Amino acid sequence: MDQQPKDDIDIFEPTVTLDQTHYQEGYKNGYDDGLVSGKEDGRQVGLKMGFQVGEELGFYKGCLDVWMSAILLDQDAFSARVRKNMEQLAALLSNYPLSDPENNQVQEMMQSIGMKFRVIMASLGEKLDYEGRPTSSKEDF
């Protein structure tokens, strides 16, 4: 009778184990590096997006400030309907949650602000819109 040794030793076991060990170490190192780089990437994207939102809100607020200054100089500078739309735009701008960027409604609020701005511009018969940088149809440089 053939007797097999009680300890079956697999000569490939260290190779299989080594491969698994390297895989686990690589996964852990990649995961840790991903956490670090993910935070940095997130910070950079947040800064860029925050700047863009601030720039757009500043554009609308700047236009509103000019219109309100014109109203202070001449009460009849704009019709009552346009003034009402300007007041609504001012309310939308003041209610924008600058300190709460994770608010689920920021996109909807920004769209409402943009639409209200376009309504005012259409009422004034002007073509000025925010597209990253202000442009005007009357500017032909």
N, C-alpha and C. Protein backbone atom coordinates (compact mmCIF):
# COMPACT_ATOMS: atom_id res chain seq x y z
N MET A 1 0.82 -1.17 0.00
CA MET A 1 0.00 0.00 0.00
C MET A 1 0.86 1.23 0.00
N ASP A 2 0.33 2.15 -0.76
CA ASP A 2 1.00 3.44 -0.80
C ASP A 2 0.58 4.25 0.41
N GLN A 3 1.54 4.80 1.02
CA GLN A 3 1.22 5.67 2.14
C GLN A 3 1.59 7.09 1.73
N GLN A 4 0.61 7.95 1.88
CA GLN A 4 0.85 9.35 1.58
C GLN A 4 1.26 10.04 2.87
N PRO A 5 2.14 11.00 2.73
CA PRO A 5 2.51 11.73 3.94
C PRO A 5 1.30 12.47 4.47
N LYS A 6 1.25 12.57 5.79
CA LYS A 6 0.10 13.22 6.41
C LYS A 6 0.07 14.71 6.10
N ASP A 7 1.19 15.30 5.93
CA ASP A 7 1.25 16.73 5.62
C ASP A 7 1.39 16.88 4.11
N ASP A 8 0.26 17.20 3.47
CA ASP A 8 0.32 17.47 2.04
C ASP A 8 0.87 18.88 1.87
N ILE A 9 2.03 18.98 1.34
CA ILE A 9 2.66 20.26 1.14
C ILE A 9 2.54 20.62 -0.33
N ASP A 10 1.93 21.75 -0.54
CA ASP A 10 1.77 22.26 -1.90
C ASP A 10 2.96 23.17 -2.18
N ILE A 11 3.73 22.79 -3.18
CA ILE A 11 4.94 23.58 -3.45
C ILE A 11 4.61 24.95 -4.05
N PHE A 12 3.38 25.13 -4.54
CA PHE A 12 2.98 26.40 -5.14
C PHE A 12 2.28 27.33 -4.15
N GLU A 13 2.04 26.85 -2.96
CA GLU A 13 1.34 27.65 -1.94
C GLU A 13 2.02 28.99 -1.67
N PRO A 14 3.33 29.04 -1.48
CA PRO A 14 3.96 30.34 -1.23
C PRO A 14 3.77 31.33 -2.39
N THR A 15 3.76 30.82 -3.61
CA THR A 15 3.58 31.69 -4.76
C THR A 15 2.17 32.26 -4.79
N VAL A 16 1.19 31.42 -4.53
CA VAL A 16 -0.20 31.87 -4.50
C VAL A 16 -0.40 32.87 -3.37
N THR A 17 0.14 32.56 -2.22
CA THR A 17 0.02 33.45 -1.06
C THR A 17 0.74 34.76 -1.32
N LEU A 18 1.90 34.70 -1.94
CA LEU A 18 2.66 35.91 -2.25
C LEU A 18 1.88 36.80 -3.20
N ASP A 19 1.26 36.21 -4.19
CA ASP A 19 0.46 36.97 -5.14
C ASP A 19 -0.70 37.67 -4.42
N GLN A 20 -1.38 36.95 -3.57
CA GLN A 20 -2.50 37.51 -2.81
C GLN A 20 -2.02 38.62 -1.86
N THR A 21 -0.88 38.42 -1.24
CA THR A 21 -0.31 39.42 -0.33
C THR A 21 0.02 40.70 -1.08
N HIS A 22 0.64 40.55 -2.26
CA HIS A 22 0.97 41.72 -3.06
C HIS A 22 -0.30 42.44 -3.52
N TYR A 23 -1.29 41.68 -3.88
CA TYR A 23 -2.56 42.28 -4.30
C TYR A 23 -3.17 43.09 -3.16
N GLN A 24 -3.22 42.51 -1.96
CA GLN A 24 -3.80 43.20 -0.81
C GLN A 24 -3.00 44.45 -0.44
N GLU A 25 -1.68 44.35 -0.48
CA GLU A 25 -0.84 45.51 -0.18
C GLU A 25 -1.04 46.61 -1.22
N GLY A 26 -1.09 46.22 -2.49
CA GLY A 26 -1.30 47.19 -3.56
C GLY A 26 -2.66 47.87 -3.44
N TYR A 27 -3.67 47.08 -3.11
CA TYR A 27 -5.02 47.63 -2.95
C TYR A 27 -5.03 48.64 -1.80
N LYS A 28 -4.43 48.28 -0.67
CA LYS A 28 -4.40 49.16 0.50
C LYS A 28 -3.63 50.44 0.19
N ASN A 29 -2.48 50.32 -0.46
CA ASN A 29 -1.69 51.50 -0.82
C ASN A 29 -2.45 52.40 -1.80
N GLY A 30 -3.09 51.78 -2.77
CA GLY A 30 -3.87 52.56 -3.74
C GLY A 30 -5.05 53.25 -3.09
N TYR A 31 -5.70 52.55 -2.18
CA TYR A 31 -6.84 53.12 -1.47
C TYR A 31 -6.39 54.31 -0.62
N ASP A 32 -5.31 54.15 0.12
CA ASP A 32 -4.80 55.24 0.96
C ASP A 32 -4.38 56.44 0.11
N ASP A 33 -3.68 56.19 -0.99
CA ASP A 33 -3.27 57.27 -1.88
C ASP A 33 -4.50 57.95 -2.50
N GLY A 34 -5.51 57.15 -2.81
CA GLY A 34 -6.75 57.70 -3.37
C GLY A 34 -7.46 58.62 -2.39
N LEU A 35 -7.43 58.27 -1.13
CA LEU A 35 -8.05 59.15 -0.12
C LEU A 35 -7.34 60.50 -0.08
N VAL A 36 -6.04 60.48 -0.10
CA VAL A 36 -5.27 61.72 -0.03
C VAL A 36 -5.49 62.55 -1.30
N SER A 37 -5.32 61.93 -2.46
CA SER A 37 -5.45 62.68 -3.71
C SER A 37 -6.91 63.06 -3.96
N GLY A 38 -7.85 62.24 -3.50
CA GLY A 38 -9.26 62.57 -3.66
C GLY A 38 -9.64 63.82 -2.88
N LYS A 39 -9.10 63.95 -1.67
CA LYS A 39 -9.38 65.15 -0.89
C LYS A 39 -8.80 66.38 -1.56
N GLU A 40 -7.59 66.27 -2.08
CA GLU A 40 -6.95 67.41 -2.76
C GLU A 40 -7.71 67.75 -4.03
N ASP A 41 -8.07 66.74 -4.82
CA ASP A 41 -8.83 66.99 -6.04
C ASP A 41 -10.18 67.62 -5.70
N GLY A 42 -10.83 67.12 -4.67
CA GLY A 42 -12.11 67.68 -4.24
C GLY A 42 -11.97 69.13 -3.81
N ARG A 43 -10.90 69.45 -3.12
CA ARG A 43 -10.66 70.81 -2.69
C ARG A 43 -10.47 71.73 -3.90
N GLN A 44 -9.72 71.27 -4.90
CA GLN A 44 -9.48 72.08 -6.09
C GLN A 44 -10.76 72.28 -6.89
N VAL A 45 -11.55 71.22 -7.05
CA VAL A 45 -12.82 71.34 -7.78
C VAL A 45 -13.77 72.26 -7.02
N GLY A 46 -13.81 72.12 -5.70
CA GLY A 46 -14.66 72.98 -4.88
C GLY A 46 -14.28 74.44 -5.01
N LEU A 47 -12.99 74.72 -5.02
CA LEU A 47 -12.52 76.09 -5.16
C LEU A 47 -12.92 76.65 -6.53
N LYS A 48 -12.74 75.84 -7.55
CA LYS A 48 -13.08 76.29 -8.91
C LYS A 48 -14.58 76.53 -9.03
N MET A 49 -15.38 75.59 -8.55
CA MET A 49 -16.84 75.73 -8.65
C MET A 49 -17.33 76.88 -7.79
N GLY A 50 -16.75 77.04 -6.61
CA GLY A 50 -17.14 78.15 -5.75
C GLY A 50 -16.84 79.49 -6.40
N PHE A 51 -15.69 79.58 -7.06
CA PHE A 51 -15.34 80.81 -7.76
C PHE A 51 -16.33 81.09 -8.88
N GLN A 52 -16.69 80.06 -9.64
CA GLN A 52 -17.62 80.25 -10.75
C GLN A 52 -18.99 80.70 -10.26
N VAL A 53 -19.46 80.10 -9.16
CA VAL A 53 -20.76 80.49 -8.61
C VAL A 53 -20.69 81.93 -8.11
N GLY A 54 -19.62 82.26 -7.41
CA GLY A 54 -19.46 83.63 -6.92
C GLY A 54 -19.38 84.64 -8.05
N GLU A 55 -18.69 84.28 -9.11
CA GLU A 55 -18.57 85.16 -10.26
C GLU A 55 -19.94 85.41 -10.91
N GLU A 56 -20.72 84.35 -11.06
CA GLU A 56 -22.04 84.49 -11.68
C GLU A 56 -22.98 85.30 -10.79
N LEU A 57 -22.98 85.00 -9.49
CA LEU A 57 -23.83 85.77 -8.57
C LEU A 57 -23.39 87.23 -8.53
N GLY A 58 -22.09 87.47 -8.58
CA GLY A 58 -21.58 88.83 -8.60
C GLY A 58 -22.00 89.58 -9.85
N PHE A 59 -22.04 88.90 -10.97
CA PHE A 59 -22.49 89.51 -12.22
C PHE A 59 -23.94 89.99 -12.08
N TYR A 60 -24.80 89.09 -11.60
CA TYR A 60 -26.22 89.45 -11.44
C TYR A 60 -26.39 90.56 -10.41
N LYS A 61 -25.66 90.48 -9.31
CA LYS A 61 -25.76 91.49 -8.26
C LYS A 61 -25.24 92.84 -8.76
N GLY A 62 -24.17 92.82 -9.53
CA GLY A 62 -23.64 94.06 -10.09
C GLY A 62 -24.64 94.73 -11.02
N CYS A 63 -25.28 93.96 -11.88
CA CYS A 63 -26.30 94.52 -12.77
C CYS A 63 -27.46 95.09 -11.96
N LEU A 64 -27.88 94.36 -10.95
CA LEU A 64 -28.97 94.81 -10.09
C LEU A 64 -28.61 96.10 -9.37
N ASP A 65 -27.38 96.21 -8.89
CA ASP A 65 -26.93 97.43 -8.21
C ASP A 65 -26.97 98.64 -9.15
N VAL A 66 -26.57 98.44 -10.39
CA VAL A 66 -26.60 99.53 -11.37
C VAL A 66 -28.05 99.96 -11.61
N TRP A 67 -28.95 99.00 -11.77
CA TRP A 67 -30.36 99.33 -12.00
C TRP A 67 -30.96 100.05 -10.80
N MET A 68 -30.63 99.59 -9.60
CA MET A 68 -31.16 100.23 -8.39
C MET A 68 -30.60 101.65 -8.24
N SER A 69 -29.37 101.86 -8.64
CA SER A 69 -28.79 103.21 -8.62
C SER A 69 -29.53 104.12 -9.61
N ALA A 70 -29.87 103.58 -10.76
CA ALA A 70 -30.62 104.35 -11.75
C ALA A 70 -32.00 104.71 -11.20
N ILE A 71 -32.62 103.81 -10.46
CA ILE A 71 -33.93 104.08 -9.87
C ILE A 71 -33.82 105.18 -8.82
N LEU A 72 -32.71 105.18 -8.05
CA LEU A 72 -32.51 106.23 -7.05
C LEU A 72 -32.39 107.61 -7.71
N LEU A 73 -31.78 107.66 -8.88
CA LEU A 73 -31.63 108.92 -9.60
C LEU A 73 -32.90 109.36 -10.30
N ASP A 74 -33.63 108.37 -10.82
CA ASP A 74 -34.87 108.67 -11.56
C ASP A 74 -35.88 107.56 -11.25
N GLN A 75 -36.89 107.90 -10.47
CA GLN A 75 -37.90 106.92 -10.07
C GLN A 75 -38.63 106.30 -11.27
N ASP A 76 -38.69 107.03 -12.37
CA ASP A 76 -39.40 106.55 -13.55
C ASP A 76 -38.46 105.92 -14.58
N ALA A 77 -37.26 105.53 -14.15
CA ALA A 77 -36.29 104.94 -15.08
C ALA A 77 -36.80 103.62 -15.65
N PHE A 78 -37.57 102.89 -14.86
CA PHE A 78 -38.09 101.60 -15.29
C PHE A 78 -39.58 101.51 -14.97
N SER A 79 -40.27 100.69 -15.70
CA SER A 79 -41.70 100.50 -15.45
C SER A 79 -41.90 99.77 -14.12
N ALA A 80 -43.12 99.81 -13.61
CA ALA A 80 -43.44 99.15 -12.34
C ALA A 80 -43.21 97.64 -12.46
N ARG A 81 -43.53 97.08 -13.60
CA ARG A 81 -43.34 95.64 -13.80
C ARG A 81 -41.85 95.26 -13.75
N VAL A 82 -41.02 96.07 -14.39
CA VAL A 82 -39.58 95.81 -14.39
C VAL A 82 -39.03 95.97 -12.97
N ARG A 83 -39.47 97.01 -12.26
CA ARG A 83 -39.02 97.21 -10.87
C ARG A 83 -39.42 96.03 -9.99
N LYS A 84 -40.62 95.50 -10.23
CA LYS A 84 -41.07 94.34 -9.45
C LYS A 84 -40.17 93.14 -9.73
N ASN A 85 -39.83 92.93 -11.00
CA ASN A 85 -38.92 91.84 -11.35
C ASN A 85 -37.54 92.04 -10.72
N MET A 86 -37.09 93.29 -10.67
CA MET A 86 -35.81 93.59 -10.03
C MET A 86 -35.84 93.29 -8.54
N GLU A 87 -36.95 93.60 -7.90
CA GLU A 87 -37.10 93.29 -6.47
C GLU A 87 -37.10 91.77 -6.25
N GLN A 88 -37.75 91.06 -7.15
CA GLN A 88 -37.76 89.60 -7.05
C GLN A 88 -36.36 89.03 -7.25
N LEU A 89 -35.62 89.60 -8.18
CA LEU A 89 -34.23 89.17 -8.40
C LEU A 89 -33.40 89.45 -7.16
N ALA A 90 -33.60 90.61 -6.56
CA ALA A 90 -32.87 90.95 -5.33
C ALA A 90 -33.18 89.94 -4.22
N ALA A 91 -34.44 89.53 -4.12
CA ALA A 91 -34.82 88.55 -3.10
C ALA A 91 -34.18 87.20 -3.39
N LEU A 92 -34.16 86.79 -4.65
CA LEU A 92 -33.52 85.51 -5.01
C LEU A 92 -32.04 85.54 -4.68
N LEU A 93 -31.38 86.65 -5.00
CA LEU A 93 -29.95 86.77 -4.72
C LEU A 93 -29.66 86.76 -3.23
N SER A 94 -30.48 87.43 -2.46
CA SER A 94 -30.23 87.48 -1.01
C SER A 94 -30.55 86.15 -0.33
N ASN A 95 -31.40 85.35 -0.94
CA ASN A 95 -31.76 84.04 -0.35
C ASN A 95 -30.85 82.91 -0.81
N TYR A 96 -29.91 83.20 -1.70
CA TYR A 96 -29.01 82.15 -2.18
C TYR A 96 -28.12 81.70 -1.02
N PRO A 97 -28.05 80.39 -0.77
CA PRO A 97 -27.31 79.89 0.40
C PRO A 97 -25.80 79.81 0.16
N LEU A 98 -25.13 80.95 0.26
CA LEU A 98 -23.68 80.98 0.04
C LEU A 98 -22.92 80.11 1.04
N SER A 99 -23.39 80.05 2.27
CA SER A 99 -22.68 79.30 3.30
C SER A 99 -23.12 77.85 3.38
N ASP A 100 -24.00 77.42 2.50
CA ASP A 100 -24.47 76.04 2.50
C ASP A 100 -24.39 75.47 1.08
N PRO A 101 -23.17 75.19 0.59
CA PRO A 101 -23.03 74.73 -0.80
C PRO A 101 -23.61 73.34 -1.06
N GLU A 102 -23.88 72.59 0.01
CA GLU A 102 -24.43 71.26 -0.18
C GLU A 102 -25.95 71.26 -0.19
N ASN A 103 -26.54 72.45 -0.15
CA ASN A 103 -28.00 72.58 -0.24
C ASN A 103 -28.45 72.01 -1.58
N ASN A 104 -29.47 71.17 -1.54
CA ASN A 104 -29.93 70.50 -2.76
C ASN A 104 -30.60 71.44 -3.74
N GLN A 105 -30.95 72.63 -3.30
CA GLN A 105 -31.70 73.55 -4.15
C GLN A 105 -30.83 74.60 -4.83
N VAL A 106 -29.51 74.56 -4.66
CA VAL A 106 -28.67 75.62 -5.22
C VAL A 106 -28.76 75.68 -6.75
N GLN A 107 -28.83 74.55 -7.41
CA GLN A 107 -28.95 74.56 -8.87
C GLN A 107 -30.26 75.18 -9.31
N GLU A 108 -31.35 74.80 -8.63
CA GLU A 108 -32.66 75.35 -8.98
C GLU A 108 -32.69 76.85 -8.71
N MET A 109 -32.07 77.27 -7.61
CA MET A 109 -32.06 78.69 -7.29
C MET A 109 -31.24 79.47 -8.31
N MET A 110 -30.12 78.92 -8.74
CA MET A 110 -29.29 79.59 -9.74
C MET A 110 -30.05 79.69 -11.07
N GLN A 111 -30.79 78.66 -11.41
CA GLN A 111 -31.60 78.71 -12.63
C GLN A 111 -32.69 79.77 -12.51
N SER A 112 -33.32 79.87 -11.35
CA SER A 112 -34.35 80.89 -11.14
C SER A 112 -33.77 82.29 -11.25
N ILE A 113 -32.58 82.48 -10.69
CA ILE A 113 -31.92 83.78 -10.77
C ILE A 113 -31.62 84.13 -12.23
N GLY A 114 -31.07 83.15 -12.96
CA GLY A 114 -30.77 83.38 -14.38
C GLY A 114 -32.02 83.68 -15.20
N MET A 115 -33.09 82.96 -14.93
CA MET A 115 -34.33 83.21 -15.67
C MET A 115 -34.91 84.58 -15.34
N LYS A 116 -34.87 84.96 -14.07
CA LYS A 116 -35.39 86.27 -13.69
C LYS A 116 -34.54 87.37 -14.35
N PHE A 117 -33.24 87.18 -14.41
CA PHE A 117 -32.36 88.14 -15.07
C PHE A 117 -32.74 88.26 -16.54
N ARG A 118 -32.98 87.14 -17.21
CA ARG A 118 -33.34 87.17 -18.63
C ARG A 118 -34.69 87.86 -18.85
N VAL A 119 -35.62 87.67 -17.91
CA VAL A 119 -36.92 88.35 -18.00
C VAL A 119 -36.71 89.87 -17.94
N ILE A 120 -35.88 90.31 -17.02
CA ILE A 120 -35.60 91.75 -16.89
C ILE A 120 -34.94 92.26 -18.16
N MET A 121 -33.96 91.53 -18.65
CA MET A 121 -33.25 91.97 -19.86
C MET A 121 -34.21 92.04 -21.05
N ALA A 122 -35.10 91.07 -21.17
CA ALA A 122 -36.07 91.09 -22.26
C ALA A 122 -37.01 92.28 -22.11
N SER A 123 -37.41 92.60 -20.89
CA SER A 123 -38.28 93.75 -20.65
C SER A 123 -37.59 95.05 -21.01
N LEU A 124 -36.28 95.09 -20.81
CA LEU A 124 -35.52 96.29 -21.13
C LEU A 124 -35.12 96.34 -22.61
N GLY A 125 -35.33 95.24 -23.33
CA GLY A 125 -34.98 95.18 -24.74
C GLY A 125 -33.48 95.07 -24.96
N GLU A 126 -32.78 94.52 -24.01
CA GLU A 126 -31.33 94.35 -24.10
C GLU A 126 -30.97 92.88 -24.24
N LYS A 127 -29.79 92.63 -24.76
CA LYS A 127 -29.28 91.26 -24.85
C LYS A 127 -27.97 91.20 -24.10
N LEU A 128 -28.06 90.85 -22.84
CA LEU A 128 -26.89 90.67 -21.99
C LEU A 128 -27.16 89.44 -21.17
N ASP A 129 -26.21 88.51 -21.19
CA ASP A 129 -26.40 87.27 -20.45
C ASP A 129 -25.06 86.85 -19.88
N TYR A 130 -25.12 86.12 -18.80
CA TYR A 130 -23.89 85.62 -18.19
C TYR A 130 -23.52 84.31 -18.86
N GLU A 131 -22.32 84.28 -19.44
CA GLU A 131 -21.81 83.06 -20.07
C GLU A 131 -20.35 82.86 -19.69
N GLY A 132 -20.07 82.96 -18.42
CA GLY A 132 -18.70 82.84 -17.98
C GLY A 132 -18.04 84.21 -17.94
N ARG A 133 -18.32 84.99 -18.92
CA ARG A 133 -17.90 86.39 -18.98
C ARG A 133 -19.05 87.14 -19.60
N PRO A 134 -19.35 88.33 -19.13
CA PRO A 134 -20.46 89.07 -19.71
C PRO A 134 -20.20 89.43 -21.17
N THR A 135 -21.25 89.28 -21.97
CA THR A 135 -21.17 89.65 -23.38
C THR A 135 -22.39 90.51 -23.70
N SER A 136 -22.29 91.31 -24.71
CA SER A 136 -23.39 92.16 -25.13
C SER A 136 -23.45 92.17 -26.63
N SER A 137 -24.66 92.23 -27.18
CA SER A 137 -24.79 92.26 -28.62
C SER A 137 -24.36 93.61 -29.19
N LYS A 138 -24.31 94.65 -28.34
CA LYS A 138 -23.93 95.97 -28.79
C LYS A 138 -22.42 96.16 -28.81
N GLU A 139 -21.70 95.24 -28.22
CA GLU A 139 -20.24 95.34 -28.18
C GLU A 139 -19.63 94.62 -29.38
N ASP A 140 -19.08 95.39 -30.28
CA ASP A 140 -18.40 94.81 -31.43
C ASP A 140 -16.99 95.34 -31.46
N PHE A 141 -16.13 94.71 -30.72
CA PHE A 141 -14.74 95.17 -30.61
C PHE A 141 -13.93 94.57 -31.71
